[in-house]
């Protein structure tokens, strides 16, 4: 998620290398190193992971709702129907 966070925070970054010590080297299209704020990167990475987790949980919840409605003979919403098609 850190790579995605770096690309989102620094639009001029075109390449990211992982260093052996766990840090990153970000460069622009001219191969110039771009200074990155790892605190901001970690915050953004956490935000992105939370959004991804929430989206996955919403899909699980929607499927469960669809199943419950089907079993009860109730009509499904379009979103619920899309989870089973």
Protein backbone atom coordinates (compact mmCIF):
# COMPACT_ATOMS: atom_id res chain seq x y z
CA UNK A 1 0.00 0.00 0.00
CA UNK A 2 2.98 2.31 0.51
CA UNK A 3 3.72 2.44 -3.21
CA UNK A 4 0.13 3.41 -3.99
CA UNK A 5 0.25 6.04 -1.25
CA UNK A 6 3.46 7.53 -2.66
CA UNK A 7 2.02 7.70 -6.17
CA UNK A 8 -1.14 9.37 -4.84
CA UNK A 9 0.76 11.89 -2.72
CA UNK A 10 3.53 12.68 -5.21
CA UNK A 11 2.18 12.92 -8.76
CA UNK A 12 5.67 13.54 -10.15
CA UNK A 13 6.97 10.16 -8.96
CA UNK A 14 7.32 7.65 -11.80
CA UNK A 15 9.37 4.91 -10.11
CA UNK A 16 9.79 3.58 -6.59
CA UNK A 17 12.59 1.30 -5.44
CA UNK A 18 12.47 -0.66 -2.19
CA UNK A 19 15.72 -0.39 -0.27
CA UNK A 20 17.05 -3.25 1.86
CA UNK A 21 16.58 -1.17 5.01
CA UNK A 22 12.82 -0.87 4.40
CA UNK A 23 12.94 2.67 3.02
CA UNK A 24 11.96 3.77 -0.46
CA UNK A 25 13.72 5.70 -3.19
CA UNK A 26 11.24 7.60 -5.34
CA UNK A 27 12.29 9.17 -8.61
CA UNK A 28 10.66 11.37 -11.24
CA UNK A 29 10.63 10.94 -15.02
CA UNK A 30 14.13 12.45 -15.23
CA UNK A 31 15.40 9.94 -12.64
CA UNK A 32 15.81 12.71 -10.06
CA UNK A 33 15.19 11.57 -6.50
CA UNK A 34 11.96 12.89 -4.99
CA UNK A 35 11.98 13.57 -1.26
CA UNK A 36 9.04 11.85 0.44
CA UNK A 37 7.53 12.34 3.88
CA UNK A 38 7.18 8.81 5.25
CA UNK A 39 4.80 9.97 7.97
CA UNK A 40 2.42 11.27 5.29
CA UNK A 41 2.96 8.10 3.25
CA UNK A 42 2.14 5.88 6.23
CA UNK A 43 -0.98 7.92 7.01
CA UNK A 44 -2.14 7.72 3.39
CA UNK A 45 -1.36 3.98 3.22
CA UNK A 46 -3.46 3.39 6.33
CA UNK A 47 -6.27 5.47 4.84
CA UNK A 48 -6.14 3.49 1.59
CA UNK A 49 -6.07 0.14 3.42
CA UNK A 50 -9.03 1.18 5.58
CA UNK A 51 -11.01 2.17 2.48
CA UNK A 52 -10.16 -1.17 0.83
CA UNK A 53 -11.14 -3.11 3.95
CA UNK A 54 -14.40 -1.15 4.28
CA UNK A 55 -15.24 -1.84 0.63
CA UNK A 56 -14.61 -5.55 1.10
CA UNK A 57 -16.74 -5.64 4.25
CA UNK A 58 -19.57 -3.74 2.52
CA UNK A 59 -19.59 -6.36 -0.23
CA UNK A 60 -19.73 -9.16 2.34
CA UNK A 61 -22.58 -7.39 4.14
CA UNK A 62 -24.47 -6.83 0.87
CA UNK A 63 -24.21 -10.54 -0.01
CA UNK A 64 -25.44 -11.51 3.44
CA UNK A 65 -28.37 -9.11 3.10
CA UNK A 66 -29.22 -10.53 -0.32
CA UNK A 67 -29.13 -14.08 1.01
CA UNK A 68 -31.35 -13.21 3.97
CA UNK A 69 -33.88 -11.48 1.71
CA UNK A 70 -33.93 -14.38 -0.75
CA UNK A 71 -34.52 -16.83 2.07
CA UNK A 72 -37.34 -14.64 3.41
CA UNK A 73 -38.87 -14.19 -0.05
CA UNK A 74 -38.29 -10.43 -0.05
CA UNK A 75 -37.31 -8.25 -3.01
CA UNK A 76 -33.64 -7.43 -3.46
CA UNK A 77 -32.13 -4.06 -4.21
CA UNK A 78 -30.22 -3.80 -7.49
CA UNK A 79 -26.91 -3.77 -5.59
CA UNK A 80 -27.89 -6.92 -3.70
CA UNK A 81 -28.92 -8.64 -6.94
CA UNK A 82 -25.60 -7.70 -8.52
CA UNK A 83 -23.72 -9.59 -5.80
CA UNK A 84 -25.26 -12.89 -6.88
CA UNK A 85 -25.26 -12.47 -10.66
